[in-house]
Amino acid sequence: MLYQINTEDIELKKIIKEKCGKSFSIFQRIRDNNFGSQRYKLLKISPDHEKIDLDNFNDNVFLNFDLRLKGIVYYFRFKNSEYVEFCPYYKLTFQSNDNQFVIQTDCYTYTFKIYNKKKHKKFLTQLYNFKVKSHEKTLE
């Protein structure tokens, strides 16, 4: 689900917490070695979003992924507006090649540019592990 954020939205935070779980504390991140991802550049969103036109935008849009217990969350800024995308792991699919990383959520497909292949491989391993753990918990 892609939402535009203008101010501190408490209702949206509740929805994100319900769908993807709460954010980890700094101690949990150190213990589990979960510091999110490297920086990725957003190249394309499909189907086209009415407020986000990356083809006619000259600046770069960068973001990092936040892995949570039940889903993935990422924030990005486009033309002075901040957006958040979140998706539970069971609705998330992804694929990766040498230069691009593609994530398909429940509504949109995002294409990202990979800058560091070694860190990207580490992030994919973490993403697989979180997805498997989430699936195991739903089976219990």
Protein backbone atom coordinates (compact mmCIF):
# COMPACT_ATOMS: atom_id res chain seq x y z
CA MET A 1 0.00 0.00 0.00
CA LEU A 2 1.48 3.32 -1.08
CA TYR A 3 0.49 6.35 0.98
CA GLN A 4 1.48 10.00 0.87
CA ILE A 5 2.54 11.38 4.23
CA ASN A 6 2.19 15.07 5.00
CA THR A 7 2.36 15.11 8.78
CA GLU A 8 2.74 12.64 11.61
CA ASP A 9 -0.17 10.31 10.89
CA ILE A 10 -0.98 8.16 13.92
CA GLU A 11 -3.66 6.14 12.11
CA LEU A 12 -1.24 5.25 9.31
CA LYS A 13 1.38 4.17 11.84
CA LYS A 14 -1.20 1.87 13.44
CA ILE A 15 -2.00 0.33 10.05
CA ILE A 16 1.70 -0.20 9.30
CA LYS A 17 2.27 -1.72 12.74
CA GLU A 18 -0.72 -4.04 12.26
CA LYS A 19 0.30 -5.20 8.77
CA CYS A 20 4.12 -5.32 9.07
CA GLY A 21 4.89 -5.29 12.79
CA LYS A 22 6.54 -2.64 14.89
CA SER A 23 9.97 -1.26 14.19
CA PHE A 24 12.85 -2.98 15.97
CA SER A 25 14.70 -1.21 18.78
CA ILE A 26 18.38 -0.42 18.39
CA PHE A 27 19.28 -3.30 20.73
CA GLN A 28 17.24 -5.79 18.69
CA ARG A 29 18.87 -4.52 15.49
CA ILE A 30 22.35 -5.02 16.95
CA ARG A 31 21.49 -8.46 18.34
CA ASP A 32 19.92 -9.71 15.09
CA ASN A 33 22.26 -7.77 12.77
CA ASN A 34 19.23 -6.21 11.08
CA PHE A 35 20.12 -2.73 9.92
CA GLY A 36 17.85 -2.60 6.89
CA SER A 37 19.34 -2.30 3.45
CA GLN A 38 21.84 -0.34 1.49
CA ARG A 39 20.68 2.67 -0.50
CA TYR A 40 18.70 1.97 -3.67
CA LYS A 41 17.61 4.34 -6.42
CA LEU A 42 13.96 4.18 -7.44
CA LEU A 43 13.76 3.88 -11.23
CA LYS A 44 10.16 3.02 -12.01
CA ILE A 45 6.74 2.44 -10.48
CA SER A 46 4.15 0.51 -12.43
CA PRO A 47 1.28 0.87 -12.92
CA ASP A 48 1.91 4.59 -13.03
CA HIS A 49 0.97 6.48 -9.89
CA GLU A 50 -1.01 9.68 -10.54
CA LYS A 51 1.22 11.84 -8.31
CA ILE A 52 4.61 10.22 -9.00
CA ASP A 53 6.04 10.69 -12.50
CA LEU A 54 9.63 9.45 -12.44
CA ASP A 55 10.06 9.72 -16.22
CA ASN A 56 9.77 13.52 -16.18
CA PHE A 57 11.65 14.05 -12.92
CA ASN A 58 15.33 14.99 -13.09
CA ASP A 59 16.34 14.39 -9.47
CA ASN A 60 17.17 11.02 -7.97
CA VAL A 61 14.84 9.26 -5.55
CA PHE A 62 16.74 7.14 -3.01
CA LEU A 63 15.45 4.88 -0.26
CA ASN A 64 16.32 2.13 2.20
CA PHE A 65 14.22 -0.86 3.20
CA ASP A 66 13.18 -1.58 6.77
CA LEU A 67 12.65 -5.28 7.49
CA ARG A 68 10.08 -5.95 10.20
CA LEU A 69 8.61 -9.13 11.68
CA LYS A 70 5.60 -9.40 9.36
CA GLY A 71 6.52 -7.20 6.40
CA ILE A 72 8.74 -4.68 4.67
CA VAL A 73 8.45 -0.88 4.92
CA TYR A 74 10.20 1.84 2.96
CA TYR A 75 9.89 5.60 2.81
CA PHE A 76 10.93 7.91 -0.02
CA ARG A 77 10.62 11.57 -0.90
CA PHE A 78 9.36 12.85 -4.25
CA LYS A 79 8.94 16.60 -4.94
CA ASN A 80 8.76 17.64 -1.27
CA SER A 81 6.21 14.95 -0.47
CA GLU A 82 7.05 11.88 1.54
CA TYR A 83 5.60 8.50 0.65
CA VAL A 84 5.53 5.21 2.49
CA GLU A 85 5.09 1.76 0.99
CA PHE A 86 4.50 -1.26 3.18
CA CYS A 87 3.65 -4.83 2.36
CA PRO A 88 3.33 -8.05 4.37
CA TYR A 89 5.79 -10.75 3.36
CA TYR A 90 3.08 -13.11 2.10
CA LYS A 91 2.09 -10.55 -0.57
CA LEU A 92 5.67 -9.65 -1.52
CA THR A 93 7.52 -11.03 -4.52
CA PHE A 94 10.91 -9.91 -5.76
CA GLN A 95 13.54 -10.65 -8.35
CA SER A 96 17.04 -9.42 -8.91
CA ASN A 97 19.56 -9.34 -11.72
CA ASP A 98 22.96 -7.68 -12.08
CA ASN A 99 21.84 -4.06 -12.02
CA GLN A 100 18.19 -3.98 -11.02
CA PHE A 101 16.05 -5.13 -8.13
CA VAL A 102 12.30 -5.50 -8.68
CA ILE A 103 9.75 -5.72 -5.86
CA GLN A 104 6.09 -6.45 -6.46
CA THR A 105 3.73 -5.50 -3.65
CA ASP A 106 -0.03 -5.93 -3.54
CA CYS A 107 -0.68 -2.86 -5.74
CA TYR A 108 2.54 -1.71 -7.40
CA THR A 109 5.74 -3.01 -8.94
CA TYR A 110 8.91 -1.06 -8.12
CA THR A 111 12.21 -1.18 -10.00
CA PHE A 112 15.40 -0.12 -8.20
CA LYS A 113 18.99 0.34 -9.25
CA ILE A 114 21.58 -1.72 -7.32
CA TYR A 115 24.72 0.18 -6.30
CA ASN A 116 26.61 -2.41 -4.25
CA LYS A 117 26.15 -6.04 -5.29
CA LYS A 118 27.80 -7.49 -2.19
CA LYS A 119 25.53 -5.56 0.20
CA HIS A 120 22.55 -6.33 -2.03
CA LYS A 121 23.24 -10.07 -1.76
CA LYS A 122 23.42 -9.75 2.04
CA PHE A 123 20.13 -7.86 2.06
CA LEU A 124 18.44 -10.51 -0.12
CA THR A 125 19.59 -13.20 2.31
CA GLN A 126 18.07 -11.24 5.21
CA LEU A 127 14.87 -10.68 3.23
CA TYR A 128 14.54 -14.41 2.50
CA ASN A 129 15.15 -15.23 6.17
CA PHE A 130 12.51 -12.75 7.38
CA LYS A 131 10.04 -14.01 4.78
CA VAL A 132 10.59 -17.65 5.83
CA LYS A 133 10.30 -16.82 9.56
CA SER A 134 7.08 -14.92 8.90
CA HIS A 135 5.67 -17.86 6.94
CA GLU A 136 6.63 -20.31 9.69
CA LYS A 137 4.84 -18.20 12.31
CA THR A 138 1.64 -18.15 10.25
CA LEU A 139 1.72 -21.95 9.99
CA GLU A 140 1.90 -22.40 13.78
